[in-house]
PDB file of N, CA and C in Angstrom:
ATOM      1  N   MET A   1       0.984  -1.239   0.062  1.00  0.00           N
ATOM      2  CA  MET A   1      -0.117  -0.029  -0.171  1.00  0.00           C
ATOM      3  C   MET A   1       0.754   1.293  -0.404  1.00  0.00           C
ATOM      4  N   THR A   2       1.676   1.337   0.537  1.00  0.00           N
ATOM      5  CA  THR A   2       2.627   2.611   0.698  1.00  0.00           C
ATOM      6  C   THR A   2       3.746   2.363  -0.267  1.00  0.00           C
ATOM      7  N   VAL A   3       4.013   1.592  -1.071  1.00  0.00           N
ATOM      8  CA  VAL A   3       4.576   1.499  -2.332  1.00  0.00           C
ATOM      9  C   VAL A   3       3.577   2.385  -3.596  1.00  0.00           C
ATOM     10  N   ALA A   4       2.123   1.756  -3.362  1.00  0.00           N
ATOM     11  CA  ALA A   4       1.270   2.147  -4.516  1.00  0.00           C
ATOM     12  C   ALA A   4       1.050   4.158  -3.729  1.00  0.00           C
ATOM     13  N   MET A   5       1.241   4.365  -2.936  1.00  0.00           N
ATOM     14  CA  MET A   5       0.629   5.727  -3.019  1.00  0.00           C
ATOM     15  C   MET A   5       2.106   6.247  -3.012  1.00  0.00           C
ATOM     16  N   ALA A   6       3.369   6.112  -2.803  1.00  0.00           N
ATOM     17  CA  ALA A   6       4.511   6.726  -3.265  1.00  0.00           C
ATOM     18  C   ALA A   6       4.635   6.956  -4.450  1.00  0.00           C
ATOM     19  N   ALA A   7       3.680   5.861  -5.600  1.00  0.00           N
ATOM     20  CA  ALA A   7       3.818   6.744  -6.874  1.00  0.00           C
ATOM     21  C   ALA A   7       2.538   7.268  -7.176  1.00  0.00           C
ATOM     22  N   LEU A   8       1.706   7.847  -6.467  1.00  0.00           N
ATOM     23  CA  LEU A   8       0.428   9.043  -6.613  1.00  0.00           C
ATOM     24  C   LEU A   8       0.885  10.212  -6.758  1.00  0.00           C
ATOM     25  N   PRO A   9       0.705  11.017  -7.600  1.00  0.00           N
ATOM     26  CA  PRO A   9       1.340  12.273  -7.533  1.00  0.00           C
ATOM     27  C   PRO A   9       0.438  12.979  -6.071  1.00  0.00           C
ATOM     28  N   GLN A  10       1.264  13.910  -5.117  1.00  0.00           N
ATOM     29  CA  GLN A  10       1.071  14.149  -4.207  1.00  0.00           C
ATOM     30  C   GLN A  10      -0.680  14.827  -4.256  1.00  0.00           C
ATOM     31  N   SER A  11      -1.329  15.605  -5.454  1.00  0.00           N
ATOM     32  CA  SER A  11      -2.267  15.894  -5.679  1.00  0.00           C
ATOM     33  C   SER A  11      -3.434  14.642  -5.129  1.00  0.00           C
ATOM     34  N   TYR A  12      -3.031  13.746  -5.293  1.00  0.00           N
ATOM     35  CA  TYR A  12      -3.801  12.845  -4.917  1.00  0.00           C
ATOM     36  C   TYR A  12      -4.330  12.117  -3.840  1.00  0.00           C
ATOM     37  N   ILE A  13      -3.223  12.142  -2.910  1.00  0.00           N
ATOM     38  CA  ILE A  13      -3.174  11.850  -1.503  1.00  0.00           C
ATOM     39  C   ILE A  13      -3.818  12.959  -0.518  1.00  0.00           C
ATOM     40  N   HIS A  14      -4.577  12.209  -0.305  1.00  0.00           N
ATOM     41  CA  HIS A  14      -5.508  12.981   1.193  1.00  0.00           C
ATOM     42  C   HIS A  14      -4.603  12.725   2.433  1.00  0.00           C
ATOM     43  N   THR A  15      -4.411  14.111   2.670  1.00  0.00           N
ATOM     44  CA  THR A  15      -3.711  14.296   3.971  1.00  0.00           C
ATOM     45  C   THR A  15      -4.708  15.671   4.901  1.00  0.00           C
ATOM     46  N   PRO A  16      -5.937  14.395   6.278  1.00  0.00           N
ATOM     47  CA  PRO A  16      -6.370  15.912   6.851  1.00  0.00           C
ATOM     48  C   PRO A  16      -5.598  17.227   7.282  1.00  0.00           C
ATOM     49  N   LEU A  17      -6.372  18.082   7.881  1.00  0.00           N
ATOM     50  CA  LEU A  17      -6.084  19.188   8.788  1.00  0.00           C
ATOM     51  C   LEU A  17      -6.062  19.029   9.902  1.00  0.00           C
ATOM     52  N   GLN A  18      -4.801  19.058  10.867  1.00  0.00           N
ATOM     53  CA  GLN A  18      -5.180  18.452  11.834  1.00  0.00           C
ATOM     54  C   GLN A  18      -5.120  19.747  13.097  1.00  0.00           C
ATOM     55  N   GLY A  19      -5.764  19.620  14.240  1.00  0.00           N
ATOM     56  CA  GLY A  19      -5.334  20.514  15.449  1.00  0.00           C
ATOM     57  C   GLY A  19      -6.658  21.791  15.115  1.00  0.00           C
ATOM     58  N   ALA A  20      -6.478  22.896  16.064  1.00  0.00           N
ATOM     59  CA  ALA A  20      -7.654  23.659  16.377  1.00  0.00           C
ATOM     60  C   ALA A  20      -6.943  25.039  15.752  1.00  0.00           C
ATOM     61  N   LYS A  21      -5.538  24.985  15.362  1.00  0.00           N
ATOM     62  CA  LYS A  21      -5.453  25.899  14.323  1.00  0.00           C
ATOM     63  C   LYS A  21      -5.694  25.970  13.112  1.00  0.00           C
ATOM     64  N   ALA A  22      -5.801  24.747  12.479  1.00  0.00           N
ATOM     65  CA  ALA A  22      -6.238  24.206  11.408  1.00  0.00           C
ATOM     66  C   ALA A  22      -7.895  24.508  11.111  1.00  0.00           C
ATOM     67  N   HIS A  23      -8.503  24.854  12.340  1.00  0.00           N
ATOM     68  CA  HIS A  23      -9.938  24.800  12.456  1.00  0.00           C
ATOM     69  C   HIS A  23     -10.209  25.689  13.097  1.00  0.00           C
ATOM     70  N   PRO A  24     -10.254  27.362  12.936  1.00  0.00           N
ATOM     71  CA  PRO A  24     -10.835  28.124  14.054  1.00  0.00           C
ATOM     72  C   PRO A  24     -12.276  27.783  14.592  1.00  0.00           C
ATOM     73  N   ASP A  25     -13.112  27.544  13.375  1.00  0.00           N
ATOM     74  CA  ASP A  25     -14.108  27.421  13.578  1.00  0.00           C
ATOM     75  C   ASP A  25     -14.711  26.353  13.728  1.00  0.00           C
ATOM     76  N   ALA A  26     -14.580  25.554  15.306  1.00  0.00           N
ATOM     77  CA  ALA A  26     -15.091  24.346  15.511  1.00  0.00           C
ATOM     78  C   ALA A  26     -16.298  23.744  15.433  1.00  0.00           C
ATOM     79  N   ARG A  27     -17.555  24.949  14.987  1.00  0.00           N
ATOM     80  CA  ARG A  27     -18.710  24.237  15.047  1.00  0.00           C
ATOM     81  C   ARG A  27     -18.839  23.868  13.419  1.00  0.00           C
ATOM     82  N   ALA A  28     -18.375  24.902  12.664  1.00  0.00           N
ATOM     83  CA  ALA A  28     -18.295  24.151  10.885  1.00  0.00           C
ATOM     84  C   ALA A  28     -17.567  23.336  10.798  1.00  0.00           C
ATOM     85  N   TRP A  29     -16.414  23.312  11.608  1.00  0.00           N
ATOM     86  CA  TRP A  29     -15.436  21.748  11.227  1.00  0.00           C
ATOM     87  C   TRP A  29     -16.497  20.468  11.204  1.00  0.00           C
ATOM     88  N   ALA A  30     -16.905  20.757  12.998  1.00  0.00           N
ATOM     89  CA  ALA A  30     -17.875  19.423  13.208  1.00  0.00           C
ATOM     90  C   ALA A  30     -18.597  19.213  12.393  1.00  0.00           C
ATOM     91  N   THR A  31     -19.549  20.487  11.869  1.00  0.00           N
ATOM     92  CA  THR A  31     -20.944  20.242  10.926  1.00  0.00           C
ATOM     93  C   THR A  31     -20.250  19.213   9.841  1.00  0.00           C
ATOM     94  N   ALA A  32     -18.650  19.694   9.170  1.00  0.00           N
ATOM     95  CA  ALA A  32     -18.192  19.045   7.900  1.00  0.00           C
ATOM     96  C   ALA A  32     -17.990  17.888   8.847  1.00  0.00           C
ATOM     97  N   GLN A  33     -17.371  17.651   9.420  1.00  0.00           N
ATOM     98  CA  GLN A  33     -17.507  15.774   9.881  1.00  0.00           C
ATOM     99  C   GLN A  33     -18.158  15.208   9.494  1.00  0.00           C
ATOM    100  N   ASP A  34     -19.507  15.707  10.501  1.00  0.00           N
ATOM    101  CA  ASP A  34     -20.886  14.983  10.839  1.00  0.00           C
ATOM    102  C   ASP A  34     -21.164  14.546   9.480  1.00  0.00           C
ATOM    103  N   PHE A  35     -21.251  15.697   8.618  1.00  0.00           N
ATOM    104  CA  PHE A  35     -21.318  15.302   6.947  1.00  0.00           C
ATOM    105  C   PHE A  35     -20.774  14.202   6.123  1.00  0.00           C
ATOM    106  N   GLU A  36     -19.359  14.149   6.659  1.00  0.00           N
ATOM    107  CA  GLU A  36     -18.895  13.142   5.876  1.00  0.00           C
ATOM    108  C   GLU A  36     -19.180  11.635   6.366  1.00  0.00           C
ATOM    109  N   SER A  37     -19.085  11.778   7.825  1.00  0.00           N
ATOM    110  CA  SER A  37     -19.584  10.750   8.892  1.00  0.00           C
ATOM    111  C   SER A  37     -20.636   9.939   8.290  1.00  0.00           C
ATOM    112  N   GLN A  38     -21.688  10.899   7.725  1.00  0.00           N
ATOM    113  CA  GLN A  38     -22.841  10.123   7.394  1.00  0.00           C
ATOM    114  C   GLN A  38     -22.743   9.809   5.628  1.00  0.00           C
ATOM    115  N   PHE A  39     -21.914  10.346   5.200  1.00  0.00           N
ATOM    116  CA  PHE A  39     -21.396   9.768   3.811  1.00  0.00           C
ATOM    117  C   PHE A  39     -20.686   8.228   3.996  1.00  0.00           C
ATOM    118  N   LEU A  40     -20.074   8.328   4.418  1.00  0.00           N
ATOM    119  CA  LEU A  40     -19.134   7.091   4.928  1.00  0.00           C
ATOM    120  C   LEU A  40     -20.349   5.790   5.024  1.00  0.00           C
ATOM    121  N   SER A  41     -20.718   6.566   6.419  1.00  0.00           N
ATOM    122  CA  SER A  41     -21.731   5.076   6.762  1.00  0.00           C
ATOM    123  C   SER A  41     -22.192   4.861   6.002  1.00  0.00           C
ATOM    124  N   THR A  42     -23.214   5.726   5.023  1.00  0.00           N
ATOM    125  CA  THR A  42     -24.080   4.786   4.424  1.00  0.00           C
ATOM    126  C   THR A  42     -23.207   4.037   2.725  1.00  0.00           C
ATOM    127  N   MET A  43     -21.735   4.834   2.539  1.00  0.00           N
ATOM    128  CA  MET A  43     -21.336   3.704   1.997  1.00  0.00           C
ATOM    129  C   MET A  43     -21.060   2.370   2.446  1.00  0.00           C
ATOM    130  N   ALA A  44     -20.434   2.390   3.659  1.00  0.00           N
ATOM    131  CA  ALA A  44     -20.112   1.579   4.510  1.00  0.00           C
ATOM    132  C   ALA A  44     -21.385   0.221   4.299  1.00  0.00           C
ATOM    133  N   GLN A  45     -22.934   0.900   4.781  1.00  0.00           N
ATOM    134  CA  GLN A  45     -23.741  -0.122   4.702  1.00  0.00           C
ATOM    135  C   GLN A  45     -24.301  -0.737   3.598  1.00  0.00           C
ATOM    136  N   THR A  46     -24.083  -0.327   2.574  1.00  0.00           N
ATOM    137  CA  THR A  46     -23.798  -0.898   1.127  1.00  0.00           C
ATOM    138  C   THR A  46     -23.073  -2.195   0.743  1.00  0.00           C
ATOM    139  N   MET A  47     -21.938  -1.621   1.729  1.00  0.00           N
ATOM    140  CA  MET A  47     -20.732  -2.918   1.600  1.00  0.00           C
ATOM    141  C   MET A  47     -21.327  -4.227   2.625  1.00  0.00           C
ATOM    142  N   PHE A  48     -21.945  -3.819   3.770  1.00  0.00           N
ATOM    143  CA  PHE A  48     -22.203  -4.687   4.784  1.00  0.00           C
ATOM    144  C   PHE A  48     -23.945  -5.797   3.843  1.00  0.00           C
ATOM    145  N   GLU A  49     -24.191  -5.331   3.061  1.00  0.00           N
ATOM    146  CA  GLU A  49     -25.582  -5.780   2.602  1.00  0.00           C
ATOM    147  C   GLU A  49     -25.296  -7.000   1.839  1.00  0.00           C
ATOM    148  N   GLY A  50     -23.984  -7.842   1.232  1.00  0.00           N
ATOM    149  CA  GLY A  50     -24.137  -8.756   0.703  1.00  0.00           C
ATOM    150  C   GLY A  50     -23.532  -9.583   1.563  1.00  0.00           C
ATOM    151  N   VAL A  51     -23.307  -9.297   2.964  1.00  0.00           N
ATOM    152  CA  VAL A  51     -22.325 -10.321   3.714  1.00  0.00           C
ATOM    153  C   VAL A  51     -23.718 -10.888   4.508  1.00  0.00           C
ATOM    154  N   LYS A  52     -23.299 -12.295   4.255  1.00  0.00           N
ATOM    155  CA  LYS A  52     -24.159 -13.643   5.177  1.00  0.00           C
ATOM    156  C   LYS A  52     -23.874 -13.737   6.739  1.00  0.00           C
ATOM    157  N   THR A  53     -24.390 -13.958   7.271  1.00  0.00           N
ATOM    158  CA  THR A  53     -24.579 -14.020   8.784  1.00  0.00           C
ATOM    159  C   THR A  53     -24.284 -15.320   9.108  1.00  0.00           C
ATOM    160  N   ASP A  54     -23.261 -15.648  10.053  1.00  0.00           N
ATOM    161  CA  ASP A  54     -22.936 -17.244  10.149  1.00  0.00           C
ATOM    162  C   ASP A  54     -24.130 -17.533  10.990  1.00  0.00           C
ATOM    163  N   GLU A  55     -24.875 -18.715  11.152  1.00  0.00           N
ATOM    164  CA  GLU A  55     -26.021 -19.028  11.955  1.00  0.00           C
ATOM    165  C   GLU A  55     -25.380 -19.450  13.521  1.00  0.00           C
ATOM    166  N   THR A  56     -24.405 -20.177  13.587  1.00  0.00           N
ATOM    167  CA  THR A  56     -23.783 -20.559  14.930  1.00  0.00           C
ATOM    168  C   THR A  56     -24.318 -19.317  15.880  1.00  0.00           C
ATOM    169  N   PHE A  57     -23.143 -18.205  15.138  1.00  0.00           N
ATOM    170  CA  PHE A  57     -22.766 -17.067  16.218  1.00  0.00           C
ATOM    171  C   PHE A  57     -23.656 -15.967  15.765  1.00  0.00           C
ATOM    172  N   GLY A  58     -24.541 -15.679  14.553  1.00  0.00           N
ATOM    173  CA  GLY A  58     -25.181 -14.524  14.145  1.00  0.00           C
ATOM    174  C   GLY A  58     -26.430 -15.049  13.978  1.00  0.00           C
ATOM    175  N   GLY A  59     -27.433 -13.967  13.286  1.00  0.00           N
ATOM    176  CA  GLY A  59     -28.478 -13.357  12.577  1.00  0.00           C
ATOM    177  C   GLY A  59     -29.144 -13.288  13.533  1.00  0.00           C
ATOM    178  N   GLY A  60     -30.439 -12.808  12.883  1.00  0.00           N
ATOM    179  CA  GLY A  60     -31.818 -12.602  13.768  1.00  0.00           C
ATOM    180  C   GLY A  60     -31.655 -10.823  13.714  1.00  0.00           C
ATOM    181  N   PRO A  61     -32.609 -10.160  14.434  1.00  0.00           N
ATOM    182  CA  PRO A  61     -33.194  -9.257  14.463  1.00  0.00           C
ATOM    183  C   PRO A  61     -31.839  -8.121  15.201  1.00  0.00           C
ATOM    184  N   GLY A  62     -31.659  -8.940  16.538  1.00  0.00           N
ATOM    185  CA  GLY A  62     -30.637  -8.199  17.248  1.00  0.00           C
ATOM    186  C   GLY A  62     -29.239  -7.619  16.071  1.00  0.00           C
ATOM    187  N   GLU A  63     -28.839  -9.085  15.446  1.00  0.00           N
ATOM    188  CA  GLU A  63     -27.964  -8.463  14.504  1.00  0.00           C
ATOM    189  C   GLU A  63     -28.220  -7.086  13.558  1.00  0.00           C
ATOM    190  N   ASP A  64     -29.297  -6.976  12.950  1.00  0.00           N
ATOM    191  CA  ASP A  64     -29.790  -5.868  12.268  1.00  0.00           C
ATOM    192  C   ASP A  64     -29.403  -5.049  13.025  1.00  0.00           C
ATOM    193  N   THR A  65     -30.173  -5.112  14.107  1.00  0.00           N
ATOM    194  CA  THR A  65     -29.817  -3.130  14.876  1.00  0.00           C
ATOM    195  C   THR A  65     -28.194  -3.176  15.248  1.00  0.00           C
ATOM    196  N   PHE A  66     -27.661  -4.117  15.964  1.00  0.00           N
ATOM    197  CA  PHE A  66     -26.573  -3.562  16.042  1.00  0.00           C
ATOM    198  C   PHE A  66     -25.604  -3.303  15.104  1.00  0.00           C
ATOM    199  N   ARG A  67     -25.678  -3.805  13.856  1.00  0.00           N
ATOM    200  CA  ARG A  67     -25.118  -4.037  12.738  1.00  0.00           C
ATOM    201  C   ARG A  67     -25.250  -2.520  12.079  1.00  0.00           C
ATOM    202  N   SER A  68     -26.485  -2.172  12.445  1.00  0.00           N
ATOM    203  CA  SER A  68     -26.337  -0.288  11.945  1.00  0.00           C
ATOM    204  C   SER A  68     -26.191   0.581  12.652  1.00  0.00           C
ATOM    205  N   MET A  69     -25.629   0.094  14.082  1.00  0.00           N
ATOM    206  CA  MET A  69     -24.797   1.108  15.113  1.00  0.00           C
ATOM    207  C   MET A  69     -23.236   0.776  14.491  1.00  0.00           C
ATOM    208  N   LEU A  70     -23.160  -0.819  14.490  1.00  0.00           N
ATOM    209  CA  LEU A  70     -21.631  -0.346  14.393  1.00  0.00           C
ATOM    210  C   LEU A  70     -20.977  -0.002  12.568  1.00  0.00           C
ATOM    211  N   VAL A  71     -22.330   0.000  11.717  1.00  0.00           N
ATOM    212  CA  VAL A  71     -21.647   1.110  10.297  1.00  0.00           C
ATOM    213  C   VAL A  71     -21.847   2.305  10.825  1.00  0.00           C
ATOM    214  N   GLU A  72     -22.178   2.831  11.710  1.00  0.00           N
ATOM    215  CA  GLU A  72     -22.628   4.498  11.615  1.00  0.00           C
ATOM    216  C   GLU A  72     -21.068   4.860  12.668  1.00  0.00           C
ATOM    217  N   GLN A  73     -20.423   3.862  13.309  1.00  0.00           N
ATOM    218  CA  GLN A  73     -19.205   4.238  14.494  1.00  0.00           C
ATOM    219  C   GLN A  73     -17.725   3.932  13.086  1.00  0.00           C
ATOM    220  N   TYR A  74     -18.234   2.928  12.502  1.00  0.00           N
ATOM    221  CA  TYR A  74     -17.754   2.799  11.178  1.00  0.00           C
ATOM    222  C   TYR A  74     -16.885   4.429  10.576  1.00  0.00           C
ATOM    223  N   GLY A  75     -18.070   5.087  10.487  1.00  0.00           N
ATOM    224  CA  GLY A  75     -18.472   6.282   9.371  1.00  0.00           C
ATOM    225  C   GLY A  75     -17.552   7.298  10.171  1.00  0.00           C
ATOM    226  N   GLN A  76     -17.905   7.412  11.662  1.00  0.00           N
ATOM    227  CA  GLN A  76     -17.522   8.498  12.270  1.00  0.00           C
ATOM    228  C   GLN A  76     -16.239   8.438  12.735  1.00  0.00           C
ATOM    229  N   GLU A  77     -15.495   6.946  13.009  1.00  0.00           N
ATOM    230  CA  GLU A  77     -13.990   7.132  12.702  1.00  0.00           C
ATOM    231  C   GLU A  77     -13.046   7.085  11.713  1.00  0.00           C
ATOM    232  N   MET A  78     -13.697   6.777  10.345  1.00  0.00           N
ATOM    233  CA  MET A  78     -13.328   7.050   9.310  1.00  0.00           C
ATOM    234  C   MET A  78     -13.102   8.455   8.854  1.00  0.00           C
ATOM    235  N   ALA A  79     -14.146   9.267   9.576  1.00  0.00           N
ATOM    236  CA  ALA A  79     -13.971  10.538   9.047  1.00  0.00           C
ATOM    237  C   ALA A  79     -13.115  11.146  10.456  1.00  0.00           C
ATOM    238  N   LYS A  80     -12.966  11.092  11.752  1.00  0.00           N
ATOM    239  CA  LYS A  80     -12.198  11.636  12.467  1.00  0.00           C
ATOM    240  C   LYS A  80     -10.878  11.369  11.992  1.00  0.00           C
ATOM    241  N   SER A  81     -10.577  10.522  11.544  1.00  0.00           N
ATOM    242  CA  SER A  81      -8.876   9.903  11.195  1.00  0.00           C
ATOM    243  C   SER A  81      -8.589  10.055   9.500  1.00  0.00           C
ATOM    244  N   GLY A  82      -9.440  11.267   9.353  1.00  0.00           N
ATOM    245  CA  GLY A  82      -9.103  11.752   7.869  1.00  0.00           C
ATOM    246  C   GLY A  82      -9.911  11.487   6.966  1.00  0.00           C
ATOM    247  N   GLY A  83     -10.608  10.626   6.786  1.00  0.00           N
ATOM    248  CA  GLY A  83     -11.683  10.389   6.169  1.00  0.00           C
ATOM    249  C   GLY A  83     -11.056  10.380   4.533  1.00  0.00           C
ATOM    250  N   ILE A  84     -12.181  10.630   3.544  1.00  0.00           N
ATOM    251  CA  ILE A  84     -11.545  10.924   1.996  1.00  0.00           C
ATOM    252  C   ILE A  84     -11.881  12.398   1.390  1.00  0.00           C
ATOM    253  N   GLY A  85     -11.675  12.953   2.793  1.00  0.00           N
ATOM    254  CA  GLY A  85     -11.756  14.762   2.094  1.00  0.00           C
ATOM    255  C   GLY A  85     -12.708  15.155   2.262  1.00  0.00           C
ATOM    256  N   ILE A  86     -14.100  15.185   2.345  1.00  0.00           N
ATOM    257  CA  ILE A  86     -15.307  16.108   1.969  1.00  0.00           C
ATOM    258  C   ILE A  86     -15.122  16.706   2.988  1.00  0.00           C
ATOM    259  N   ALA A  87     -14.633  16.484   4.630  1.00  0.00           N
ATOM    260  CA  ALA A  87     -14.934  17.208   5.380  1.00  0.00           C
ATOM    261  C   ALA A  87     -13.843  18.689   5.184  1.00  0.00           C
ATOM    262  N   ASP A  88     -13.256  18.138   4.643  1.00  0.00           N
ATOM    263  CA  ASP A  88     -11.943  19.596   4.306  1.00  0.00           C
ATOM    264  C   ASP A  88     -12.971  20.417   3.148  1.00  0.00           C
ATOM    265  N   LYS A  89     -13.286  19.718   2.422  1.00  0.00           N
ATOM    266  CA  LYS A  89     -14.192  20.650   0.967  1.00  0.00           C
ATOM    267  C   LYS A  89     -15.310  21.458   1.397  1.00  0.00           C
ATOM    268  N   ILE A  90     -16.370  20.613   2.815  1.00  0.00           N
ATOM    269  CA  ILE A  90     -16.817  21.415   3.152  1.00  0.00           C
ATOM    270  C   ILE A  90     -17.052  21.856   3.767  1.00  0.00           C
ATOM    271  N   TYR A  91     -16.055  21.939   4.871  1.00  0.00           N
ATOM    272  CA  TYR A  91     -15.696  23.108   5.885  1.00  0.00           C
ATOM    273  C   TYR A  91     -15.719  24.252   5.386  1.00  0.00           C
ATOM    274  N   GLY A  92     -14.455  24.007   4.062  1.00  0.00           N
ATOM    275  CA  GLY A  92     -14.131  25.654   3.423  1.00  0.00           C
ATOM    276  C   GLY A  92     -15.413  26.055   2.494  1.00  0.00           C
ATOM    277  N   GLU A  93     -16.320  25.617   2.184  1.00  0.00           N
ATOM    278  CA  GLU A  93     -17.481  25.712   1.658  1.00  0.00           C
ATOM    279  C   GLU A  93     -18.639  26.584   2.610  1.00  0.00           C
ATOM    280  N   ILE A  94     -18.626  26.264   3.863  1.00  0.00           N
ATOM    281  CA  ILE A  94     -19.156  26.658   4.662  1.00  0.00           C
ATOM    282  C   ILE A  94     -18.439  27.974   5.472  1.00  0.00           C
ATOM    283  N   LEU A  95     -17.748  28.464   5.514  1.00  0.00           N
ATOM    284  CA  LEU A  95     -17.016  29.137   5.829  1.00  0.00           C
ATOM    285  C   LEU A  95     -17.170  30.170   4.822  1.00  0.00           C
ATOM    286  N   LYS A  96     -16.884  30.205   3.183  1.00  0.00           N
ATOM    287  CA  LYS A  96     -17.129  31.158   1.944  1.00  0.00           C
ATOM    288  C   LYS A  96     -18.837  31.262   2.579  1.00  0.00           C
ATOM    289  N   LEU A  97     -19.885  30.535   2.928  1.00  0.00           N
ATOM    290  CA  LEU A  97     -20.813  30.669   2.982  1.00  0.00           C
ATOM    291  C   LEU A  97     -21.341  31.809   4.237  1.00  0.00           C
ATOM    292  N   GLN A  98     -20.295  31.629   4.765  1.00  0.00           N
ATOM    293  CA  GLN A  98     -20.318  32.623   6.582  1.00  0.00           C
ATOM    294  C   GLN A  98     -19.904  34.088   6.325  1.00  0.00           C
ATOM    295  N   GLU A  99     -19.185  33.894   4.856  1.00  0.00           N
ATOM    296  CA  GLU A  99     -18.605  35.391   5.124  1.00  0.00           C
ATOM    297  C   GLU A  99     -18.869  35.954   3.734  1.00  0.00           C
ATOM    298  N   THR A 100     -19.931  35.268   2.710  1.00  0.00           N
ATOM    299  CA  THR A 100     -20.855  35.838   2.020  1.00  0.00           C
ATOM    300  C   THR A 100     -22.360  36.473   2.836  1.00  0.00           C
ATOM    301  N   SER A 101     -22.332  36.214   4.053  1.00  0.00           N
ATOM    302  CA  SER A 101     -23.778  35.795   4.267  1.00  0.00           C
ATOM    303  C   SER A 101     -23.604  37.313   5.638  1.00  0.00           C
ATOM    304  N   LYS A 102     -22.179  37.878   5.733  1.00  0.00           N
ATOM    305  CA  LYS A 102     -22.301  38.712   6.658  1.00  0.00           C
ATOM    306  C   LYS A 102     -22.055  40.280   5.617  1.00  0.00           C
TER     307      LYS A 102
END
């Protein structure tokens, strides 16, 4: 994976912004991360639709309930760890909208 990423041009490698100095508007950044989290959760949900449950240790209505919670947590953790770059773009757009509304 590292070798493949090294071959990519720098513009294709997403590096998340880190720290409070990078995001002076904490509410806007939280909103952008929530949006990315929901997007990633939706994408992960479709990934799990084709997974068969093991009858010995799984199945039933409880698994469906907890799987949706698990997928939601996957989305949140992916967004917190940098995600795929949607939060950065949304954050920039939120800041632009705030500036134009003043």
